[in-house]
Amino acid sequence: MSADCIFCKIIAGELPCVKVYEDDDVVAFMDIGPVVKGHTLVVPRTHHENIMTAPAAVLKKVIAVVQKIAQAQENGLKADGVNITQANGKIAGQVVPHIHFHVIPRFTNDGHSWNFPQKKYEGGDEIEKFAQAIRKGMGGGLAQ
């Protein structure tokens, strides 16, 4: 737990929330500022700032709950689809530094658009340079 983390305070019961799921490792609760009504946050009980610092075992438990919530949104809300997002770092849009996934139900006429403008690599070599840098960041060749 982190004393100044809003999600840790919610998990500890110090701040209110509307829970839709909880077990020994994961809590899912309604986002109070929904992108689309039904927007749910899924968080581990243990504090990890982002996806790079969270142990794989924690991520495995969280993503299993993300899947349950997505299915529940389709079944219970009759959602036509579901967006699942996760951000790491302020520049990426992470507001609360406690790893969490947004599970957002989507409806045909919900008025929300989630289209990213596509860009292009400059020349044939640029894409390979980015790939090389990523492989190097993993310690070398293709990782499994």
N, C-alpha and C. Protein backbone atom coordinates (compact mmCIF):
# COMPACT_ATOMS: atom_id res chain seq x y z
N MET A 1 0.83 -1.19 0.00
CA MET A 1 0.00 0.00 0.00
C MET A 1 0.87 1.25 0.00
N SER A 2 0.39 2.26 -0.65
CA SER A 2 1.06 3.55 -0.68
C SER A 2 0.13 4.56 0.00
N ALA A 3 0.65 5.25 1.00
CA ALA A 3 -0.17 6.15 1.82
C ALA A 3 -0.83 7.27 1.02
N ASP A 4 -0.20 7.71 -0.07
CA ASP A 4 -0.75 8.83 -0.82
C ASP A 4 -1.46 8.41 -2.12
N CYS A 5 -1.67 7.11 -2.30
CA CYS A 5 -2.30 6.61 -3.53
C CYS A 5 -3.82 6.53 -3.35
N ILE A 6 -4.55 7.19 -4.23
CA ILE A 6 -6.01 7.20 -4.13
C ILE A 6 -6.60 5.80 -4.28
N PHE A 7 -6.00 4.95 -5.14
CA PHE A 7 -6.53 3.60 -5.29
C PHE A 7 -6.24 2.75 -4.06
N CYS A 8 -5.08 2.95 -3.44
CA CYS A 8 -4.78 2.23 -2.19
C CYS A 8 -5.78 2.63 -1.10
N LYS A 9 -6.14 3.92 -1.08
CA LYS A 9 -7.13 4.39 -0.10
C LYS A 9 -8.51 3.79 -0.38
N ILE A 10 -8.86 3.66 -1.64
CA ILE A 10 -10.13 3.02 -2.00
C ILE A 10 -10.11 1.55 -1.57
N ILE A 11 -9.03 0.86 -1.88
CA ILE A 11 -8.91 -0.56 -1.54
C ILE A 11 -8.97 -0.77 -0.03
N ALA A 12 -8.36 0.15 0.72
CA ALA A 12 -8.35 0.06 2.18
C ALA A 12 -9.68 0.46 2.82
N GLY A 13 -10.60 0.98 2.02
CA GLY A 13 -11.89 1.40 2.56
C GLY A 13 -11.88 2.81 3.12
N GLU A 14 -10.80 3.55 2.90
CA GLU A 14 -10.71 4.92 3.40
C GLU A 14 -11.47 5.90 2.52
N LEU A 15 -11.68 5.55 1.27
CA LEU A 15 -12.47 6.35 0.33
C LEU A 15 -13.56 5.46 -0.25
N PRO A 16 -14.71 6.03 -0.53
CA PRO A 16 -15.82 5.21 -1.04
C PRO A 16 -15.63 4.85 -2.51
N CYS A 17 -16.26 3.75 -2.88
CA CYS A 17 -16.33 3.35 -4.29
C CYS A 17 -17.53 2.43 -4.44
N VAL A 18 -17.89 2.19 -5.68
CA VAL A 18 -18.95 1.24 -5.99
C VAL A 18 -18.28 0.04 -6.63
N LYS A 19 -18.12 -1.02 -5.84
CA LYS A 19 -17.42 -2.22 -6.32
C LYS A 19 -18.35 -3.09 -7.16
N VAL A 20 -17.76 -3.72 -8.16
CA VAL A 20 -18.49 -4.72 -8.93
C VAL A 20 -17.84 -6.09 -8.79
N TYR A 21 -16.60 -6.13 -8.25
CA TYR A 21 -15.90 -7.40 -8.07
C TYR A 21 -14.78 -7.20 -7.06
N GLU A 22 -14.52 -8.23 -6.25
CA GLU A 22 -13.33 -8.23 -5.42
C GLU A 22 -13.00 -9.64 -5.01
N ASP A 23 -11.70 -9.89 -4.89
CA ASP A 23 -11.20 -11.14 -4.33
C ASP A 23 -9.97 -10.79 -3.51
N ASP A 24 -9.17 -11.75 -3.14
CA ASP A 24 -8.01 -11.49 -2.29
C ASP A 24 -6.94 -10.65 -2.97
N ASP A 25 -6.95 -10.61 -4.31
CA ASP A 25 -5.87 -9.96 -5.05
C ASP A 25 -6.29 -8.77 -5.90
N VAL A 26 -7.55 -8.70 -6.28
CA VAL A 26 -8.00 -7.72 -7.28
C VAL A 26 -9.33 -7.10 -6.85
N VAL A 27 -9.48 -5.81 -7.18
CA VAL A 27 -10.74 -5.10 -6.95
C VAL A 27 -11.14 -4.42 -8.26
N ALA A 28 -12.42 -4.47 -8.57
CA ALA A 28 -12.96 -3.74 -9.73
C ALA A 28 -14.07 -2.84 -9.23
N PHE A 29 -14.00 -1.56 -9.63
CA PHE A 29 -15.01 -0.60 -9.18
C PHE A 29 -15.33 0.38 -10.30
N MET A 30 -16.47 1.03 -10.15
CA MET A 30 -16.94 1.96 -11.16
C MET A 30 -16.08 3.22 -11.18
N ASP A 31 -15.75 3.69 -12.38
CA ASP A 31 -15.03 4.95 -12.54
C ASP A 31 -16.03 6.08 -12.32
N ILE A 32 -15.69 7.04 -11.45
CA ILE A 32 -16.63 8.13 -11.16
C ILE A 32 -16.66 9.19 -12.27
N GLY A 33 -15.74 9.10 -13.21
CA GLY A 33 -15.74 9.98 -14.37
C GLY A 33 -15.74 9.15 -15.63
N PRO A 34 -16.82 8.43 -15.90
CA PRO A 34 -16.81 7.45 -16.99
C PRO A 34 -16.69 8.05 -18.38
N VAL A 35 -15.92 7.38 -19.23
CA VAL A 35 -15.87 7.71 -20.65
C VAL A 35 -17.22 7.38 -21.26
N VAL A 36 -17.74 6.22 -20.89
CA VAL A 36 -19.08 5.75 -21.24
C VAL A 36 -19.64 5.15 -19.96
N LYS A 37 -20.91 5.35 -19.67
CA LYS A 37 -21.49 4.82 -18.44
C LYS A 37 -21.30 3.30 -18.38
N GLY A 38 -20.83 2.84 -17.22
CA GLY A 38 -20.48 1.43 -17.04
C GLY A 38 -18.97 1.23 -16.98
N HIS A 39 -18.21 2.29 -17.28
CA HIS A 39 -16.74 2.30 -17.26
C HIS A 39 -16.27 1.78 -15.90
N THR A 40 -15.46 0.74 -15.91
CA THR A 40 -15.01 0.06 -14.71
C THR A 40 -13.49 0.04 -14.65
N LEU A 41 -12.94 0.23 -13.45
CA LEU A 41 -11.49 0.16 -13.23
C LEU A 41 -11.17 -1.15 -12.54
N VAL A 42 -10.12 -1.82 -13.00
CA VAL A 42 -9.67 -3.07 -12.39
C VAL A 42 -8.25 -2.85 -11.88
N VAL A 43 -8.05 -3.07 -10.56
CA VAL A 43 -6.76 -2.76 -9.93
C VAL A 43 -6.33 -3.90 -9.02
N PRO A 44 -5.02 -4.14 -8.92
CA PRO A 44 -4.55 -5.11 -7.93
C PRO A 44 -4.59 -4.48 -6.54
N ARG A 45 -4.77 -5.30 -5.53
CA ARG A 45 -4.75 -4.79 -4.15
C ARG A 45 -3.36 -4.30 -3.76
N THR A 46 -2.34 -4.92 -4.31
CA THR A 46 -0.97 -4.50 -4.01
C THR A 46 -0.60 -3.31 -4.88
N HIS A 47 0.17 -2.39 -4.32
CA HIS A 47 0.54 -1.18 -5.05
C HIS A 47 1.73 -1.43 -5.96
N HIS A 48 1.52 -1.19 -7.23
CA HIS A 48 2.58 -1.23 -8.25
C HIS A 48 2.29 -0.03 -9.15
N GLU A 49 3.31 0.77 -9.39
CA GLU A 49 3.08 2.01 -10.12
C GLU A 49 2.60 1.80 -11.56
N ASN A 50 3.17 0.83 -12.25
CA ASN A 50 2.81 0.66 -13.66
C ASN A 50 3.03 -0.78 -14.10
N ILE A 51 2.83 -1.04 -15.36
CA ILE A 51 2.93 -2.40 -15.89
C ILE A 51 4.37 -2.93 -15.84
N MET A 52 5.35 -2.03 -15.86
CA MET A 52 6.74 -2.47 -15.81
C MET A 52 7.16 -2.89 -14.40
N THR A 53 6.50 -2.35 -13.37
CA THR A 53 6.88 -2.67 -11.99
C THR A 53 6.01 -3.76 -11.37
N ALA A 54 4.89 -4.07 -12.00
CA ALA A 54 3.99 -5.11 -11.46
C ALA A 54 4.53 -6.49 -11.83
N PRO A 55 4.62 -7.39 -10.86
CA PRO A 55 5.06 -8.76 -11.16
C PRO A 55 4.09 -9.45 -12.12
N ALA A 56 4.61 -10.35 -12.93
CA ALA A 56 3.79 -11.08 -13.90
C ALA A 56 2.65 -11.82 -13.22
N ALA A 57 2.89 -12.36 -12.03
CA ALA A 57 1.83 -13.08 -11.31
C ALA A 57 0.66 -12.16 -10.97
N VAL A 58 0.95 -10.92 -10.62
CA VAL A 58 -0.10 -9.93 -10.33
C VAL A 58 -0.85 -9.60 -11.61
N LEU A 59 -0.13 -9.36 -12.69
CA LEU A 59 -0.76 -9.02 -13.96
C LEU A 59 -1.69 -10.14 -14.44
N LYS A 60 -1.26 -11.37 -14.23
CA LYS A 60 -2.08 -12.52 -14.65
C LYS A 60 -3.42 -12.50 -13.93
N LYS A 61 -3.41 -12.23 -12.64
CA LYS A 61 -4.65 -12.18 -11.86
C LYS A 61 -5.52 -11.01 -12.29
N VAL A 62 -4.89 -9.86 -12.53
CA VAL A 62 -5.66 -8.67 -12.93
C VAL A 62 -6.30 -8.86 -14.29
N ILE A 63 -5.55 -9.39 -15.26
CA ILE A 63 -6.11 -9.52 -16.61
C ILE A 63 -7.24 -10.54 -16.64
N ALA A 64 -7.20 -11.55 -15.76
CA ALA A 64 -8.31 -12.50 -15.68
C ALA A 64 -9.59 -11.80 -15.22
N VAL A 65 -9.46 -10.84 -14.31
CA VAL A 65 -10.62 -10.08 -13.85
C VAL A 65 -11.08 -9.10 -14.94
N VAL A 66 -10.13 -8.50 -15.65
CA VAL A 66 -10.48 -7.62 -16.78
C VAL A 66 -11.37 -8.40 -17.75
N GLN A 67 -10.99 -9.63 -18.04
CA GLN A 67 -11.79 -10.46 -18.95
C GLN A 67 -13.18 -10.70 -18.39
N LYS A 68 -13.30 -10.99 -17.09
CA LYS A 68 -14.61 -11.20 -16.46
C LYS A 68 -15.49 -9.96 -16.55
N ILE A 69 -14.89 -8.80 -16.30
CA ILE A 69 -15.65 -7.55 -16.34
C ILE A 69 -16.11 -7.25 -17.76
N ALA A 70 -15.24 -7.46 -18.74
CA ALA A 70 -15.61 -7.23 -20.14
C ALA A 70 -16.79 -8.12 -20.53
N GLN A 71 -16.74 -9.37 -20.14
CA GLN A 71 -17.83 -10.29 -20.46
C GLN A 71 -19.11 -9.87 -19.73
N ALA A 72 -18.95 -9.43 -18.47
CA ALA A 72 -20.11 -8.98 -17.70
C ALA A 72 -20.74 -7.74 -18.30
N GLN A 73 -19.93 -6.85 -18.88
CA GLN A 73 -20.48 -5.65 -19.53
C GLN A 73 -21.27 -6.03 -20.76
N GLU A 74 -20.76 -6.99 -21.52
CA GLU A 74 -21.52 -7.45 -22.69
C GLU A 74 -22.81 -8.13 -22.26
N ASN A 75 -22.73 -9.00 -21.24
CA ASN A 75 -23.91 -9.74 -20.78
C ASN A 75 -24.90 -8.85 -20.04
N GLY A 76 -24.40 -8.10 -19.05
CA GLY A 76 -25.27 -7.34 -18.17
C GLY A 76 -25.76 -6.02 -18.72
N LEU A 77 -24.87 -5.34 -19.46
CA LEU A 77 -25.24 -4.03 -20.02
C LEU A 77 -25.68 -4.12 -21.47
N LYS A 78 -25.53 -5.31 -22.04
CA LYS A 78 -25.80 -5.51 -23.47
C LYS A 78 -24.92 -4.61 -24.33
N ALA A 79 -23.65 -4.46 -23.90
CA ALA A 79 -22.69 -3.65 -24.66
C ALA A 79 -22.43 -4.31 -26.01
N ASP A 80 -22.25 -3.48 -27.02
CA ASP A 80 -21.96 -3.97 -28.37
C ASP A 80 -20.48 -4.31 -28.55
N GLY A 81 -19.67 -3.82 -27.64
CA GLY A 81 -18.23 -4.06 -27.66
C GLY A 81 -17.63 -3.52 -26.38
N VAL A 82 -16.34 -3.69 -26.21
CA VAL A 82 -15.65 -3.23 -25.01
C VAL A 82 -14.26 -2.72 -25.39
N ASN A 83 -13.89 -1.54 -24.86
CA ASN A 83 -12.52 -1.06 -24.96
C ASN A 83 -11.82 -1.38 -23.65
N ILE A 84 -10.59 -1.87 -23.76
CA ILE A 84 -9.75 -2.11 -22.59
C ILE A 84 -8.49 -1.29 -22.79
N THR A 85 -8.23 -0.37 -21.85
CA THR A 85 -7.06 0.48 -21.98
C THR A 85 -6.25 0.44 -20.69
N GLN A 86 -4.97 0.78 -20.84
CA GLN A 86 -4.06 0.80 -19.70
C GLN A 86 -2.94 1.76 -20.07
N ALA A 87 -2.63 2.72 -19.20
CA ALA A 87 -1.61 3.74 -19.49
C ALA A 87 -0.49 3.67 -18.45
N ASN A 88 0.72 4.02 -18.87
CA ASN A 88 1.89 4.00 -18.00
C ASN A 88 2.65 5.31 -18.12
N GLY A 89 2.66 6.09 -17.03
CA GLY A 89 3.34 7.37 -17.02
C GLY A 89 2.41 8.50 -17.41
N LYS A 90 2.71 9.69 -16.87
CA LYS A 90 1.86 10.86 -17.13
C LYS A 90 1.72 11.16 -18.60
N ILE A 91 2.82 11.07 -19.35
CA ILE A 91 2.78 11.41 -20.77
C ILE A 91 1.85 10.49 -21.54
N ALA A 92 1.64 9.28 -21.01
CA ALA A 92 0.74 8.32 -21.66
C ALA A 92 -0.69 8.46 -21.18
N GLY A 93 -0.92 9.36 -20.23
CA GLY A 93 -2.27 9.59 -19.74
C GLY A 93 -2.58 8.93 -18.41
N GLN A 94 -1.57 8.34 -17.75
CA GLN A 94 -1.81 7.72 -16.44
C GLN A 94 -1.98 8.82 -15.41
N VAL A 95 -3.15 8.89 -14.79
CA VAL A 95 -3.46 9.92 -13.81
C VAL A 95 -3.15 9.42 -12.40
N VAL A 96 -3.49 8.17 -12.12
CA VAL A 96 -3.23 7.57 -10.79
C VAL A 96 -2.06 6.59 -10.95
N PRO A 97 -0.96 6.83 -10.22
CA PRO A 97 0.20 5.95 -10.36
C PRO A 97 0.06 4.63 -9.57
N HIS A 98 -0.96 3.88 -9.91
CA HIS A 98 -1.22 2.54 -9.39
C HIS A 98 -1.76 1.79 -10.60
N ILE A 99 -1.09 0.74 -11.01
CA ILE A 99 -1.50 0.07 -12.25
C ILE A 99 -2.99 -0.25 -12.22
N HIS A 100 -3.64 0.05 -13.32
CA HIS A 100 -5.07 -0.22 -13.44
C HIS A 100 -5.45 -0.34 -14.90
N PHE A 101 -6.51 -1.07 -15.13
CA PHE A 101 -7.06 -1.23 -16.47
C PHE A 101 -8.44 -0.60 -16.50
N HIS A 102 -8.74 0.08 -17.58
CA HIS A 102 -10.06 0.65 -17.82
C HIS A 102 -10.82 -0.35 -18.70
N VAL A 103 -11.99 -0.75 -18.27
CA VAL A 103 -12.84 -1.62 -19.06
C VAL A 103 -14.09 -0.80 -19.37
N ILE A 104 -14.21 -0.43 -20.64
CA ILE A 104 -15.21 0.55 -21.05
C ILE A 104 -16.21 -0.09 -22.01
N PRO A 105 -17.48 -0.20 -21.57
CA PRO A 105 -18.48 -0.77 -22.48
C PRO A 105 -18.74 0.19 -23.63
N ARG A 106 -18.98 -0.37 -24.79
CA ARG A 106 -19.26 0.46 -25.96
C ARG A 106 -20.61 0.08 -26.54
N PHE A 107 -21.32 1.12 -26.97
CA PHE A 107 -22.64 0.95 -27.53
C PHE A 107 -22.68 1.65 -28.89
N THR A 108 -23.45 1.14 -29.79
CA THR A 108 -23.49 1.64 -31.16
C THR A 108 -23.61 3.15 -31.23
N ASN A 109 -24.46 3.75 -30.44
CA ASN A 109 -24.68 5.19 -30.51
C ASN A 109 -24.26 5.90 -29.22
N ASP A 110 -23.11 5.50 -28.63
CA ASP A 110 -22.70 6.11 -27.36
C ASP A 110 -22.02 7.46 -27.52
N GLY A 111 -21.77 7.89 -28.76
CA GLY A 111 -21.21 9.21 -29.00
C GLY A 111 -19.72 9.33 -28.75
N HIS A 112 -19.07 8.23 -28.41
CA HIS A 112 -17.63 8.27 -28.14
C HIS A 112 -16.86 7.70 -29.32
N SER A 113 -15.77 8.34 -29.67
CA SER A 113 -14.91 7.86 -30.74
C SER A 113 -13.54 7.54 -30.18
N TRP A 114 -13.00 6.42 -30.56
CA TRP A 114 -11.71 6.00 -30.04
C TRP A 114 -10.75 5.71 -31.19
N ASN A 115 -10.73 6.55 -32.16
CA ASN A 115 -9.86 6.34 -33.31
C ASN A 115 -8.60 7.17 -33.17
N PHE A 116 -7.47 6.51 -33.33
CA PHE A 116 -6.18 7.18 -33.25
C PHE A 116 -5.73 7.52 -34.67
N PRO A 117 -5.24 8.75 -34.89
CA PRO A 117 -4.71 9.05 -36.22
C PRO A 117 -3.43 8.25 -36.46
N GLN A 118 -3.39 7.56 -37.56
CA GLN A 118 -2.21 6.75 -37.89
C GLN A 118 -1.12 7.61 -38.50
N LYS A 119 0.12 7.26 -38.18
CA LYS A 119 1.28 7.94 -38.74
C LYS A 119 2.05 6.94 -39.57
N LYS A 120 3.14 7.40 -40.18
CA LYS A 120 3.95 6.51 -41.02
C LYS A 120 5.42 6.64 -40.64
N TYR A 121 6.15 5.57 -40.87
CA TYR A 121 7.61 5.61 -40.71
C TYR A 121 8.21 6.28 -41.93
N GLU A 122 9.30 6.99 -41.72
CA GLU A 122 10.00 7.65 -42.81
C GLU A 122 10.97 6.67 -43.43
N GLY A 123 10.77 6.29 -44.66
CA GLY A 123 11.68 5.40 -45.36
C GLY A 123 11.64 3.97 -44.84
N GLY A 124 12.26 3.06 -45.57
CA GLY A 124 12.24 1.65 -45.26
C GLY A 124 13.03 1.24 -44.04
N ASP A 125 14.08 2.01 -43.70
CA ASP A 125 14.95 1.62 -42.59
C ASP A 125 14.44 2.06 -41.23
N GLU A 126 13.61 3.08 -41.18
CA GLU A 126 13.21 3.63 -39.89
C GLU A 126 12.45 2.61 -39.03
N ILE A 127 11.55 1.84 -39.62
CA ILE A 127 10.80 0.85 -38.85
C ILE A 127 11.76 -0.19 -38.24
N GLU A 128 12.76 -0.59 -39.00
CA GLU A 128 13.74 -1.56 -38.50
C GLU A 128 14.57 -0.96 -37.38
N LYS A 129 14.90 0.32 -37.44
CA LYS A 129 15.66 0.97 -36.36
C LYS A 129 14.88 0.97 -35.06
N PHE A 130 13.57 1.22 -35.14
CA PHE A 130 12.74 1.18 -33.94
C PHE A 130 12.66 -0.25 -33.40
N ALA A 131 12.51 -1.21 -34.30
CA ALA A 131 12.46 -2.62 -33.89
C ALA A 131 13.76 -3.03 -33.21
N GLN A 132 14.89 -2.60 -33.76
CA GLN A 132 16.19 -2.92 -33.17
C GLN A 132 16.32 -2.33 -31.76
N ALA A 133 15.88 -1.10 -31.59
CA ALA A 133 15.96 -0.46 -30.27
C ALA A 133 15.09 -1.21 -29.25
N ILE A 134 13.93 -1.67 -29.67
CA ILE A 134 13.05 -2.43 -28.77
C ILE A 134 13.69 -3.77 -28.43
N ARG A 135 14.23 -4.46 -29.43
CA ARG A 135 14.91 -5.74 -29.16
C ARG A 135 16.08 -5.55 -28.23
N LYS A 136 16.84 -4.47 -28.43
CA LYS A 136 17.98 -4.18 -27.56
C LYS A 136 17.49 -3.94 -26.12
N GLY A 137 16.36 -3.27 -25.99
CA GLY A 137 15.78 -3.03 -24.67
C GLY A 137 15.36 -4.31 -23.96
N MET A 138 15.13 -5.37 -24.74
CA MET A 138 14.80 -6.67 -24.15
C MET A 138 16.06 -7.51 -23.92
N GLY A 139 17.20 -6.96 -24.29
CA GLY A 139 18.45 -7.68 -24.04
C GLY A 139 19.04 -8.35 -25.27
N GLY A 140 18.58 -8.01 -26.44
CA GLY A 140 19.21 -8.58 -27.63
C GLY A 140 18.22 -8.94 -28.71
N GLY A 141 18.26 -10.22 -29.11
CA GLY A 141 17.45 -10.70 -30.23
C GLY A 141 15.98 -10.79 -29.89
N LEU A 142 15.28 -11.57 -30.70
CA LEU A 142 13.85 -11.74 -30.49
C LEU A 142 13.61 -12.47 -29.17
N ALA A 143 12.83 -11.88 -28.31
CA ALA A 143 12.51 -12.49 -27.02
C ALA A 143 11.24 -13.32 -27.14
N GLN A 144 11.14 -14.31 -26.28
CA GLN A 144 9.94 -15.16 -26.27
C GLN A 144 9.23 -15.00 -24.95
